[in-house]
Amino acid sequence: MVKQNFLIGILFVLLVLSVLFSYGWAQSVGSVVITSPTDGATVHGPVIELDLKVERGARGDGVHLYVDGRFEAIVKGDRYLLKGLPPGSHRIDAMLAARTHEELGPSASVTFTVE
């Protein structure tokens, strides 16, 4: 009986630890949100201010920024100035990246028009 209770106790502890670990892993991934320009906005150039809200999580180091599918920059802060975009529709993709430049998954995208 003592052995059975001991094994049940061990299994319970392992179950609790696995749930806590899973929750912690989900929280450590991080997130990226583009707060400006907003999706569908019309902006006036020649310089466009890009504002980000970044939760780096456990491995995030910076944000890989793509404009119209082409790599633009690695952003370490929460603001970046886009320069020289011609008038027309443009898409920005922002992807959380590790120090090794591995893109971690969390990303955000907006499409806007430059006048």
PDB file of N, CA and C in Angstrom:
ATOM      1  N   MET A   1       0.814  -1.192   0.000  1.00  0.00           N
ATOM      2  CA  MET A   1       0.000   0.000   0.000  1.00  0.00           C
ATOM      3  C   MET A   1       0.863   1.264   0.000  1.00  0.00           C
ATOM      4  N   VAL A   2       1.940   1.239   0.762  1.00  0.00           N
ATOM      5  CA  VAL A   2       2.828   2.402   0.826  1.00  0.00           C
ATOM      6  C   VAL A   2       3.483   2.636  -0.536  1.00  0.00           C
ATOM      7  N   LYS A   3       3.900   1.541  -1.191  1.00  0.00           N
ATOM      8  CA  LYS A   3       4.514   1.675  -2.511  1.00  0.00           C
ATOM      9  C   LYS A   3       3.527   2.264  -3.508  1.00  0.00           C
ATOM     10  N   GLN A   4       2.271   1.817  -3.440  1.00  0.00           N
ATOM     11  CA  GLN A   4       1.262   2.305  -4.365  1.00  0.00           C
ATOM     12  C   GLN A   4       1.019   3.800  -4.151  1.00  0.00           C
ATOM     13  N   ASN A   5       0.895   4.244  -2.918  1.00  0.00           N
ATOM     14  CA  ASN A   5       0.706   5.671  -2.617  1.00  0.00           C
ATOM     15  C   ASN A   5       1.921   6.489  -3.055  1.00  0.00           C
ATOM     16  N   PHE A   6       3.112   5.928  -2.858  1.00  0.00           N
ATOM     17  CA  PHE A   6       4.331   6.613  -3.271  1.00  0.00           C
ATOM     18  C   PHE A   6       4.348   6.812  -4.793  1.00  0.00           C
ATOM     19  N   LEU A   7       4.000   5.751  -5.552  1.00  0.00           N
ATOM     20  CA  LEU A   7       3.972   5.846  -7.010  1.00  0.00           C
ATOM     21  C   LEU A   7       2.912   6.841  -7.479  1.00  0.00           C
ATOM     22  N   ILE A   8       1.754   6.847  -6.847  1.00  0.00           N
ATOM     23  CA  ILE A   8       0.701   7.811  -7.199  1.00  0.00           C
ATOM     24  C   ILE A   8       1.194   9.229  -6.924  1.00  0.00           C
ATOM     25  N   GLY A   9       1.872   9.424  -5.810  1.00  0.00           N
ATOM     26  CA  GLY A   9       2.425  10.740  -5.486  1.00  0.00           C
ATOM     27  C   GLY A   9       3.441  11.200  -6.515  1.00  0.00           C
ATOM     28  N   ILE A  10       4.325  10.306  -6.932  1.00  0.00           N
ATOM     29  CA  ILE A  10       5.337  10.631  -7.951  1.00  0.00           C
ATOM     30  C   ILE A  10       4.662  10.997  -9.270  1.00  0.00           C
ATOM     31  N   LEU A  11       3.671  10.205  -9.680  1.00  0.00           N
ATOM     32  CA  LEU A  11       2.958  10.502 -10.924  1.00  0.00           C
ATOM     33  C   LEU A  11       2.253  11.853 -10.857  1.00  0.00           C
ATOM     34  N   PHE A  12       1.676  12.173  -9.721  1.00  0.00           N
ATOM     35  CA  PHE A  12       1.008  13.465  -9.552  1.00  0.00           C
ATOM     36  C   PHE A  12       2.009  14.611  -9.686  1.00  0.00           C
ATOM     37  N   VAL A  13       3.146  14.485  -9.045  1.00  0.00           N
ATOM     38  CA  VAL A  13       4.187  15.523  -9.116  1.00  0.00           C
ATOM     39  C   VAL A  13       4.657  15.691 -10.558  1.00  0.00           C
ATOM     40  N   LEU A  14       4.872  14.589 -11.276  1.00  0.00           N
ATOM     41  CA  LEU A  14       5.299  14.676 -12.676  1.00  0.00           C
ATOM     42  C   LEU A  14       4.235  15.349 -13.537  1.00  0.00           C
ATOM     43  N   LEU A  15       2.967  15.054 -13.282  1.00  0.00           N
ATOM     44  CA  LEU A  15       1.886  15.682 -14.023  1.00  0.00           C
ATOM     45  C   LEU A  15       1.873  17.191 -13.781  1.00  0.00           C
ATOM     46  N   VAL A  16       1.975  17.606 -12.532  1.00  0.00           N
ATOM     47  CA  VAL A  16       1.981  19.036 -12.198  1.00  0.00           C
ATOM     48  C   VAL A  16       3.171  19.735 -12.846  1.00  0.00           C
ATOM     49  N   LEU A  17       4.344  19.123 -12.771  1.00  0.00           N
ATOM     50  CA  LEU A  17       5.538  19.726 -13.378  1.00  0.00           C
ATOM     51  C   LEU A  17       5.392  19.848 -14.891  1.00  0.00           C
ATOM     52  N   SER A  18       4.807  18.851 -15.548  1.00  0.00           N
ATOM     53  CA  SER A  18       4.649  18.939 -17.000  1.00  0.00           C
ATOM     54  C   SER A  18       3.678  20.043 -17.385  1.00  0.00           C
ATOM     55  N   VAL A  19       2.609  20.233 -16.615  1.00  0.00           N
ATOM     56  CA  VAL A  19       1.662  21.322 -16.895  1.00  0.00           C
ATOM     57  C   VAL A  19       2.343  22.672 -16.697  1.00  0.00           C
ATOM     58  N   LEU A  20       3.075  22.823 -15.599  1.00  0.00           N
ATOM     59  CA  LEU A  20       3.773  24.088 -15.342  1.00  0.00           C
ATOM     60  C   LEU A  20       4.818  24.377 -16.412  1.00  0.00           C
ATOM     61  N   PHE A  21       5.547  23.357 -16.840  1.00  0.00           N
ATOM     62  CA  PHE A  21       6.556  23.545 -17.873  1.00  0.00           C
ATOM     63  C   PHE A  21       5.905  23.970 -19.182  1.00  0.00           C
ATOM     64  N   SER A  22       4.810  23.325 -19.553  1.00  0.00           N
ATOM     65  CA  SER A  22       4.114  23.675 -20.793  1.00  0.00           C
ATOM     66  C   SER A  22       3.623  25.114 -20.752  1.00  0.00           C
ATOM     67  N   TYR A  23       3.076  25.547 -19.635  1.00  0.00           N
ATOM     68  CA  TYR A  23       2.594  26.918 -19.497  1.00  0.00           C
ATOM     69  C   TYR A  23       3.752  27.900 -19.609  1.00  0.00           C
ATOM     70  N   GLY A  24       4.851  27.600 -18.956  1.00  0.00           N
ATOM     71  CA  GLY A  24       6.021  28.474 -19.009  1.00  0.00           C
ATOM     72  C   GLY A  24       6.601  28.561 -20.398  1.00  0.00           C
ATOM     73  N   TRP A  25       6.613  27.463 -21.136  1.00  0.00           N
ATOM     74  CA  TRP A  25       7.127  27.488 -22.500  1.00  0.00           C
ATOM     75  C   TRP A  25       6.263  28.374 -23.386  1.00  0.00           C
ATOM     76  N   ALA A  26       4.947  28.255 -23.231  1.00  0.00           N
ATOM     77  CA  ALA A  26       4.046  29.079 -24.045  1.00  0.00           C
ATOM     78  C   ALA A  26       4.258  30.559 -23.740  1.00  0.00           C
ATOM     79  N   GLN A  27       4.490  30.896 -22.484  1.00  0.00           N
ATOM     80  CA  GLN A  27       4.697  32.283 -22.108  1.00  0.00           C
ATOM     81  C   GLN A  27       6.044  32.817 -22.580  1.00  0.00           C
ATOM     82  N   SER A  28       7.008  31.926 -22.793  1.00  0.00           N
ATOM     83  CA  SER A  28       8.361  32.370 -23.125  1.00  0.00           C
ATOM     84  C   SER A  28       8.582  32.585 -24.621  1.00  0.00           C
ATOM     85  N   VAL A  29       7.592  32.309 -25.463  1.00  0.00           N
ATOM     86  CA  VAL A  29       7.767  32.432 -26.904  1.00  0.00           C
ATOM     87  C   VAL A  29       7.868  33.887 -27.334  1.00  0.00           C
ATOM     88  N   GLY A  30       7.087  34.775 -26.744  1.00  0.00           N
ATOM     89  CA  GLY A  30       7.120  36.186 -27.097  1.00  0.00           C
ATOM     90  C   GLY A  30       6.047  36.542 -28.108  1.00  0.00           C
ATOM     91  N   SER A  31       6.020  37.825 -28.508  1.00  0.00           N
ATOM     92  CA  SER A  31       5.029  38.295 -29.481  1.00  0.00           C
ATOM     93  C   SER A  31       5.515  39.574 -30.146  1.00  0.00           C
ATOM     94  N   VAL A  32       4.916  39.861 -31.317  1.00  0.00           N
ATOM     95  CA  VAL A  32       5.210  41.086 -32.062  1.00  0.00           C
ATOM     96  C   VAL A  32       3.882  41.667 -32.539  1.00  0.00           C
ATOM     97  N   VAL A  33       3.692  42.971 -32.324  1.00  0.00           N
ATOM     98  CA  VAL A  33       2.517  43.681 -32.824  1.00  0.00           C
ATOM     99  C   VAL A  33       3.004  44.969 -33.487  1.00  0.00           C
ATOM    100  N   ILE A  34       2.508  45.241 -34.699  1.00  0.00           N
ATOM    101  CA  ILE A  34       2.795  46.518 -35.359  1.00  0.00           C
ATOM    102  C   ILE A  34       1.668  47.461 -34.964  1.00  0.00           C
ATOM    103  N   THR A  35       2.009  48.500 -34.206  1.00  0.00           N
ATOM    104  CA  THR A  35       0.978  49.434 -33.735  1.00  0.00           C
ATOM    105  C   THR A  35       0.788  50.618 -34.673  1.00  0.00           C
ATOM    106  N   SER A  36       1.798  50.906 -35.507  1.00  0.00           N
ATOM    107  CA  SER A  36       1.677  51.990 -36.472  1.00  0.00           C
ATOM    108  C   SER A  36       2.683  51.766 -37.588  1.00  0.00           C
ATOM    109  N   PRO A  37       2.283  51.881 -38.839  1.00  0.00           N
ATOM    110  CA  PRO A  37       0.953  52.244 -39.305  1.00  0.00           C
ATOM    111  C   PRO A  37      -0.024  51.085 -39.099  1.00  0.00           C
ATOM    112  N   THR A  38      -1.293  51.396 -39.051  1.00  0.00           N
ATOM    113  CA  THR A  38      -2.303  50.370 -38.885  1.00  0.00           C
ATOM    114  C   THR A  38      -2.635  49.751 -40.240  1.00  0.00           C
ATOM    115  N   ASP A  39      -3.189  48.569 -40.191  1.00  0.00           N
ATOM    116  CA  ASP A  39      -3.544  47.863 -41.422  1.00  0.00           C
ATOM    117  C   ASP A  39      -4.586  48.675 -42.193  1.00  0.00           C
ATOM    118  N   GLY A  40      -4.320  48.912 -43.474  1.00  0.00           N
ATOM    119  CA  GLY A  40      -5.232  49.668 -44.325  1.00  0.00           C
ATOM    120  C   GLY A  40      -5.050  51.176 -44.280  1.00  0.00           C
ATOM    121  N   ALA A  41      -4.104  51.660 -43.489  1.00  0.00           N
ATOM    122  CA  ALA A  41      -3.894  53.107 -43.339  1.00  0.00           C
ATOM    123  C   ALA A  41      -3.317  53.725 -44.613  1.00  0.00           C
ATOM    124  N   THR A  42      -3.547  55.028 -44.742  1.00  0.00           N
ATOM    125  CA  THR A  42      -2.880  55.831 -45.767  1.00  0.00           C
ATOM    126  C   THR A  42      -1.932  56.761 -45.030  1.00  0.00           C
ATOM    127  N   VAL A  43      -0.654  56.723 -45.416  1.00  0.00           N
ATOM    128  CA  VAL A  43       0.368  57.535 -44.743  1.00  0.00           C
ATOM    129  C   VAL A  43       1.038  58.439 -45.764  1.00  0.00           C
ATOM    130  N   HIS A  44       1.691  59.477 -45.267  1.00  0.00           N
ATOM    131  CA  HIS A  44       2.384  60.436 -46.131  1.00  0.00           C
ATOM    132  C   HIS A  44       3.877  60.329 -45.888  1.00  0.00           C
ATOM    133  N   GLY A  45       4.648  60.118 -46.960  1.00  0.00           N
ATOM    134  CA  GLY A  45       6.089  59.974 -46.884  1.00  0.00           C
ATOM    135  C   GLY A  45       6.773  61.320 -46.835  1.00  0.00           C
ATOM    136  N   PRO A  46       8.047  61.402 -47.021  1.00  0.00           N
ATOM    137  CA  PRO A  46       8.907  60.320 -47.462  1.00  0.00           C
ATOM    138  C   PRO A  46       9.400  59.421 -46.325  1.00  0.00           C
ATOM    139  N   VAL A  47       9.177  59.799 -45.055  1.00  0.00           N
ATOM    140  CA  VAL A  47       9.613  58.978 -43.927  1.00  0.00           C
ATOM    141  C   VAL A  47       8.375  58.472 -43.190  1.00  0.00           C
ATOM    142  N   ILE A  48       8.310  57.160 -42.994  1.00  0.00           N
ATOM    143  CA  ILE A  48       7.175  56.554 -42.297  1.00  0.00           C
ATOM    144  C   ILE A  48       7.684  55.958 -41.000  1.00  0.00           C
ATOM    145  N   GLU A  49       7.038  56.319 -39.915  1.00  0.00           N
ATOM    146  CA  GLU A  49       7.425  55.819 -38.601  1.00  0.00           C
ATOM    147  C   GLU A  49       6.709  54.498 -38.335  1.00  0.00           C
ATOM    148  N   LEU A  50       7.486  53.458 -38.092  1.00  0.00           N
ATOM    149  CA  LEU A  50       6.964  52.140 -37.761  1.00  0.00           C
ATOM    150  C   LEU A  50       7.102  51.947 -36.255  1.00  0.00           C
ATOM    151  N   ASP A  51       5.982  51.699 -35.582  1.00  0.00           N
ATOM    152  CA  ASP A  51       5.994  51.449 -34.139  1.00  0.00           C
ATOM    153  C   ASP A  51       5.635  49.999 -33.876  1.00  0.00           C
ATOM    154  N   LEU A  52       6.414  49.361 -33.001  1.00  0.00           N
ATOM    155  CA  LEU A  52       6.226  47.955 -32.663  1.00  0.00           C
ATOM    156  C   LEU A  52       5.995  47.788 -31.168  1.00  0.00           C
ATOM    157  N   LYS A  53       5.241  46.779 -30.820  1.00  0.00           N
ATOM    158  CA  LYS A  53       5.155  46.331 -29.430  1.00  0.00           C
ATOM    159  C   LYS A  53       5.728  44.921 -29.428  1.00  0.00           C
ATOM    160  N   VAL A  54       6.865  44.752 -28.760  1.00  0.00           N
ATOM    161  CA  VAL A  54       7.592  43.481 -28.809  1.00  0.00           C
ATOM    162  C   VAL A  54       7.727  42.917 -27.399  1.00  0.00           C
ATOM    163  N   GLU A  55       7.283  41.674 -27.238  1.00  0.00           N
ATOM    164  CA  GLU A  55       7.557  40.888 -26.030  1.00  0.00           C
ATOM    165  C   GLU A  55       8.567  39.841 -26.471  1.00  0.00           C
ATOM    166  N   ARG A  56       9.778  39.961 -26.013  1.00  0.00           N
ATOM    167  CA  ARG A  56      10.863  39.130 -26.531  1.00  0.00           C
ATOM    168  C   ARG A  56      10.803  37.671 -26.079  1.00  0.00           C
ATOM    169  N   GLY A  57      10.172  37.382 -24.965  1.00  0.00           N
ATOM    170  CA  GLY A  57      10.148  36.004 -24.478  1.00  0.00           C
ATOM    171  C   GLY A  57      11.528  35.557 -24.067  1.00  0.00           C
ATOM    172  N   ALA A  58      11.720  34.251 -23.965  1.00  0.00           N
ATOM    173  CA  ALA A  58      12.992  33.709 -23.474  1.00  0.00           C
ATOM    174  C   ALA A  58      14.113  33.793 -24.510  1.00  0.00           C
ATOM    175  N   ARG A  59      13.790  33.681 -25.799  1.00  0.00           N
ATOM    176  CA  ARG A  59      14.841  33.614 -26.820  1.00  0.00           C
ATOM    177  C   ARG A  59      14.880  34.795 -27.765  1.00  0.00           C
ATOM    178  N   GLY A  60      13.872  35.642 -27.758  1.00  0.00           N
ATOM    179  CA  GLY A  60      13.819  36.754 -28.701  1.00  0.00           C
ATOM    180  C   GLY A  60      14.906  37.781 -28.454  1.00  0.00           C
ATOM    181  N   ASP A  61      15.523  38.236 -29.537  1.00  0.00           N
ATOM    182  CA  ASP A  61      16.596  39.230 -29.429  1.00  0.00           C
ATOM    183  C   ASP A  61      16.290  40.483 -30.237  1.00  0.00           C
ATOM    184  N   GLY A  62      15.575  40.316 -31.334  1.00  0.00           N
ATOM    185  CA  GLY A  62      15.251  41.439 -32.201  1.00  0.00           C
ATOM    186  C   GLY A  62      14.126  41.053 -33.134  1.00  0.00           C
ATOM    187  N   VAL A  63      13.805  41.961 -34.042  1.00  0.00           N
ATOM    188  CA  VAL A  63      12.727  41.724 -35.001  1.00  0.00           C
ATOM    189  C   VAL A  63      13.293  41.848 -36.409  1.00  0.00           C
ATOM    190  N   HIS A  64      13.061  40.825 -37.228  1.00  0.00           N
ATOM    191  CA  HIS A  64      13.419  40.908 -38.644  1.00  0.00           C
ATOM    192  C   HIS A  64      12.278  41.627 -39.346  1.00  0.00           C
ATOM    193  N   LEU A  65      12.625  42.665 -40.060  1.00  0.00           N
ATOM    194  CA  LEU A  65      11.638  43.495 -40.733  1.00  0.00           C
ATOM    195  C   LEU A  65      11.751  43.305 -42.237  1.00  0.00           C
ATOM    196  N   TYR A  66      10.607  43.018 -42.864  1.00  0.00           N
ATOM    197  CA  TYR A  66      10.533  42.848 -44.312  1.00  0.00           C
ATOM    198  C   TYR A  66       9.552  43.865 -44.874  1.00  0.00           C
ATOM    199  N   VAL A  67       9.918  44.496 -45.970  1.00  0.00           N
ATOM    200  CA  VAL A  67       9.035  45.438 -46.663  1.00  0.00           C
ATOM    201  C   VAL A  67       8.810  44.895 -48.067  1.00  0.00           C
ATOM    202  N   ASP A  68       7.558  44.642 -48.395  1.00  0.00           N
ATOM    203  CA  ASP A  68       7.192  44.093 -49.701  1.00  0.00           C
ATOM    204  C   ASP A  68       7.966  42.814 -50.013  1.00  0.00           C
ATOM    205  N   GLY A  69       8.153  41.978 -48.988  1.00  0.00           N
ATOM    206  CA  GLY A  69       8.808  40.687 -49.171  1.00  0.00           C
ATOM    207  C   GLY A  69      10.316  40.713 -49.170  1.00  0.00           C
ATOM    208  N   ARG A  70      10.915  41.893 -49.053  1.00  0.00           N
ATOM    209  CA  ARG A  70      12.376  42.012 -49.064  1.00  0.00           C
ATOM    210  C   ARG A  70      12.875  42.413 -47.680  1.00  0.00           C
ATOM    211  N   PHE A  71      13.980  41.779 -47.265  1.00  0.00           N
ATOM    212  CA  PHE A  71      14.548  42.094 -45.959  1.00  0.00           C
ATOM    213  C   PHE A  71      14.937  43.566 -45.893  1.00  0.00           C
ATOM    214  N   GLU A  72      14.525  44.232 -44.799  1.00  0.00           N
ATOM    215  CA  GLU A  72      14.811  45.651 -44.614  1.00  0.00           C
ATOM    216  C   GLU A  72      15.821  45.880 -43.490  1.00  0.00           C
ATOM    217  N   ALA A  73      15.589  45.265 -42.320  1.00  0.00           N
ATOM    218  CA  ALA A  73      16.439  45.586 -41.170  1.00  0.00           C
ATOM    219  C   ALA A  73      16.198  44.612 -40.026  1.00  0.00           C
ATOM    220  N   ILE A  74      17.125  44.643 -39.067  1.00  0.00           N
ATOM    221  CA  ILE A  74      16.926  43.998 -37.770  1.00  0.00           C
ATOM    222  C   ILE A  74      16.651  45.126 -36.788  1.00  0.00           C
ATOM    223  N   VAL A  75      15.491  45.089 -36.161  1.00  0.00           N
ATOM    224  CA  VAL A  75      15.080  46.154 -35.254  1.00  0.00           C
ATOM    225  C   VAL A  75      15.234  45.649 -33.825  1.00  0.00           C
ATOM    226  N   LYS A  76      15.988  46.379 -33.012  1.00  0.00           N
ATOM    227  CA  LYS A  76      16.196  45.997 -31.616  1.00  0.00           C
ATOM    228  C   LYS A  76      15.278  46.756 -30.662  1.00  0.00           C
ATOM    229  N   GLY A  77      14.742  47.885 -31.102  1.00  0.00           N
ATOM    230  CA  GLY A  77      13.887  48.698 -30.245  1.00  0.00           C
ATOM    231  C   GLY A  77      12.428  48.559 -30.621  1.00  0.00           C
ATOM    232  N   ASP A  78      11.655  49.595 -30.324  1.00  0.00           N
ATOM    233  CA  ASP A  78      10.225  49.565 -30.616  1.00  0.00           C
ATOM    234  C   ASP A  78       9.829  50.565 -31.706  1.00  0.00           C
ATOM    235  N   ARG A  79      10.824  51.137 -32.373  1.00  0.00           N
ATOM    236  CA  ARG A  79      10.541  52.135 -33.424  1.00  0.00           C
ATOM    237  C   ARG A  79      11.578  52.003 -34.537  1.00  0.00           C
ATOM    238  N   TYR A  80      11.097  52.195 -35.766  1.00  0.00           N
ATOM    239  CA  TYR A  80      11.987  52.158 -36.929  1.00  0.00           C
ATOM    240  C   TYR A  80      11.454  53.154 -37.948  1.00  0.00           C
ATOM    241  N   LEU A  81      12.342  53.872 -38.607  1.00  0.00           N
ATOM    242  CA  LEU A  81      11.945  54.830 -39.635  1.00  0.00           C
ATOM    243  C   LEU A  81      12.161  54.222 -41.012  1.00  0.00           C
ATOM    244  N   LEU A  82      11.075  54.080 -41.763  1.00  0.00           N
ATOM    245  CA  LEU A  82      11.142  53.610 -43.144  1.00  0.00           C
ATOM    246  C   LEU A  82      11.357  54.812 -44.044  1.00  0.00           C
ATOM    247  N   LYS A  83      12.364  54.737 -44.878  1.00  0.00           N
ATOM    248  CA  LYS A  83      12.680  55.864 -45.759  1.00  0.00           C
ATOM    249  C   LYS A  83      12.652  55.417 -47.210  1.00  0.00           C
ATOM    250  N   GLY A  84      12.173  56.308 -48.068  1.00  0.00           N
ATOM    251  CA  GLY A  84      12.263  56.084 -49.495  1.00  0.00           C
ATOM    252  C   GLY A  84      11.219  55.157 -50.096  1.00  0.00           C
ATOM    253  N   LEU A  85      10.119  54.905 -49.404  1.00  0.00           N
ATOM    254  CA  LEU A  85       9.081  54.085 -50.017  1.00  0.00           C
ATOM    255  C   LEU A  85       8.334  54.902 -51.069  1.00  0.00           C
ATOM    256  N   PRO A  86       8.201  54.388 -52.261  1.00  0.00           N
ATOM    257  CA  PRO A  86       7.470  55.120 -53.303  1.00  0.00           C
ATOM    258  C   PRO A  86       5.968  55.097 -53.027  1.00  0.00           C
ATOM    259  N   PRO A  87       5.223  56.012 -53.610  1.00  0.00           N
ATOM    260  CA  PRO A  87       3.764  55.991 -53.450  1.00  0.00           C
ATOM    261  C   PRO A  87       3.191  54.648 -53.910  1.00  0.00           C
ATOM    262  N   GLY A  88       2.125  54.232 -53.226  1.00  0.00           N
ATOM    263  CA  GLY A  88       1.466  52.978 -53.574  1.00  0.00           C
ATOM    264  C   GLY A  88       1.268  52.096 -52.361  1.00  0.00           C
ATOM    265  N   SER A  89       0.811  50.895 -52.605  1.00  0.00           N
ATOM    266  CA  SER A  89       0.531  49.931 -51.550  1.00  0.00           C
ATOM    267  C   SER A  89       1.813  49.193 -51.139  1.00  0.00           C
ATOM    268  N   HIS A  90       1.981  48.995 -49.828  1.00  0.00           N
ATOM    269  CA  HIS A  90       3.156  48.303 -49.293  1.00  0.00           C
ATOM    270  C   HIS A  90       2.740  47.386 -48.155  1.00  0.00           C
ATOM    271  N   ARG A  91       3.531  46.334 -47.959  1.00  0.00           N
ATOM    272  CA  ARG A  91       3.286  45.388 -46.870  1.00  0.00           C
ATOM    273  C   ARG A  91       4.534  45.305 -46.008  1.00  0.00           C
ATOM    274  N   ILE A  92       4.318  45.349 -44.692  1.00  0.00           N
ATOM    275  CA  ILE A  92       5.398  45.165 -43.723  1.00  0.00           C
ATOM    276  C   ILE A  92       5.146  43.868 -42.977  1.00  0.00           C
ATOM    277  N   ASP A  93       6.188  43.041 -42.868  1.00  0.00           N
ATOM    278  CA  ASP A  93       6.155  41.834 -42.044  1.00  0.00           C
ATOM    279  C   ASP A  93       7.238  41.977 -40.985  1.00  0.00           C
ATOM    280  N   ALA A  94       6.873  41.727 -39.738  1.00  0.00           N
ATOM    281  CA  ALA A  94       7.815  41.794 -38.622  1.00  0.00           C
ATOM    282  C   ALA A  94       7.829  40.435 -37.940  1.00  0.00           C
ATOM    283  N   MET A  95       9.020  39.838 -37.788  1.00  0.00           N
ATOM    284  CA  MET A  95       9.134  38.496 -37.225  1.00  0.00           C
ATOM    285  C   MET A  95      10.140  38.486 -36.078  1.00  0.00           C
ATOM    286  N   LEU A  96       9.700  37.978 -34.931  1.00  0.00           N
ATOM    287  CA  LEU A  96      10.584  37.855 -33.780  1.00  0.00           C
ATOM    288  C   LEU A  96      11.707  36.876 -34.106  1.00  0.00           C
ATOM    289  N   ALA A  97      12.938  37.260 -33.773  1.00  0.00           N
ATOM    290  CA  ALA A  97      14.097  36.427 -34.097  1.00  0.00           C
ATOM    291  C   ALA A  97      15.003  36.270 -32.883  1.00  0.00           C
ATOM    292  N   ALA A  98      15.707  35.146 -32.850  1.00  0.00           N
ATOM    293  CA  ALA A  98      16.681  34.868 -31.802  1.00  0.00           C
ATOM    294  C   ALA A  98      17.996  35.577 -32.118  1.00  0.00           C
ATOM    295  N   ARG A  99      18.908  35.537 -31.173  1.00  0.00           N
ATOM    296  CA  ARG A  99      20.237  36.130 -31.372  1.00  0.00           C
ATOM    297  C   ARG A  99      20.946  35.475 -32.565  1.00  0.00           C
ATOM    298  N   THR A 100      20.626  34.211 -32.850  1.00  0.00           N
ATOM    299  CA  THR A 100      21.224  33.487 -33.970  1.00  0.00           C
ATOM    300  C   THR A 100      20.533  33.823 -35.296  1.00  0.00           C
ATOM    301  N   HIS A 101      19.539  34.720 -35.259  1.00  0.00           N
ATOM    302  CA  HIS A 101      18.736  35.164 -36.401  1.00  0.00           C
ATOM    303  C   HIS A 101      17.705  34.131 -36.849  1.00  0.00           C
ATOM    304  N   GLU A 102      17.530  33.073 -36.062  1.00  0.00           N
ATOM    305  CA  GLU A 102      16.454  32.116 -36.327  1.00  0.00           C
ATOM    306  C   GLU A 102      15.129  32.822 -36.063  1.00  0.00           C
ATOM    307  N   GLU A 103      14.230  32.783 -37.021  1.00  0.00           N
ATOM    308  CA  GLU A 103      12.914  33.391 -36.818  1.00  0.00           C
ATOM    309  C   GLU A 103      12.082  32.441 -35.979  1.00  0.00           C
ATOM    310  N   LEU A 104      11.553  32.964 -34.858  1.00  0.00           N
ATOM    311  CA  LEU A 104      10.953  32.127 -33.832  1.00  0.00           C
ATOM    312  C   LEU A 104       9.478  31.826 -34.041  1.00  0.00           C
ATOM    313  N   GLY A 105       8.823  32.509 -34.911  1.00  0.00           N
ATOM    314  CA  GLY A 105       7.412  32.213 -35.149  1.00  0.00           C
ATOM    315  C   GLY A 105       6.493  33.396 -34.932  1.00  0.00           C
ATOM    316  N   PRO A 106       6.521  34.051 -33.775  1.00  0.00           N
ATOM    317  CA  PRO A 106       5.626  35.194 -33.609  1.00  0.00           C
ATOM    318  C   PRO A 106       5.895  36.273 -34.666  1.00  0.00           C
ATOM    319  N   SER A 107       4.824  36.721 -35.316  1.00  0.00           N
ATOM    320  CA  SER A 107       4.997  37.713 -36.376  1.00  0.00           C
ATOM    321  C   SER A 107       3.755  38.589 -36.473  1.00  0.00           C
ATOM    322  N   ALA A 108       3.903  39.678 -37.214  1.00  0.00           N
ATOM    323  CA  ALA A 108       2.789  40.596 -37.469  1.00  0.00           C
ATOM    324  C   ALA A 108       2.962  41.160 -38.865  1.00  0.00           C
ATOM    325  N   SER A 109       1.844  41.522 -39.488  1.00  0.00           N
ATOM    326  CA  SER A 109       1.877  42.099 -40.832  1.00  0.00           C
ATOM    327  C   SER A 109       0.852  43.220 -40.941  1.00  0.00           C
ATOM    328  N   VAL A 110       1.190  44.233 -41.729  1.00  0.00           N
ATOM    329  CA  VAL A 110       0.235  45.288 -42.079  1.00  0.00           C
ATOM    330  C   VAL A 110       0.434  45.664 -43.536  1.00  0.00           C
ATOM    331  N   THR A 111      -0.647  46.083 -44.152  1.00  0.00           N
ATOM    332  CA  THR A 111      -0.595  46.623 -45.504  1.00  0.00           C
ATOM    333  C   THR A 111      -1.111  48.055 -45.430  1.00  0.00           C
ATOM    334  N   PHE A 112      -0.412  48.976 -46.078  1.00  0.00           N
ATOM    335  CA  PHE A 112      -0.791  50.393 -46.020  1.00  0.00           C
ATOM    336  C   PHE A 112      -0.440  51.043 -47.349  1.00  0.00           C
ATOM    337  N   THR A 113      -0.929  52.258 -47.529  1.00  0.00           N
ATOM    338  CA  THR A 113      -0.685  52.992 -48.767  1.00  0.00           C
ATOM    339  C   THR A 113       0.110  54.258 -48.472  1.00  0.00           C
ATOM    340  N   VAL A 114       1.141  54.509 -49.271  1.00  0.00           N
ATOM    341  CA  VAL A 114       1.924  55.730 -49.165  1.00  0.00           C
ATOM    342  C   VAL A 114       1.423  56.699 -50.235  1.00  0.00           C
ATOM    343  N   GLU A 115       1.121  57.925 -49.813  1.00  0.00           N
ATOM    344  CA  GLU A 115       0.714  58.972 -50.763  1.00  0.00           C
ATOM    345  C   GLU A 115       1.848  59.953 -50.949  1.00  0.00           C
TER     346      GLU A 115
END
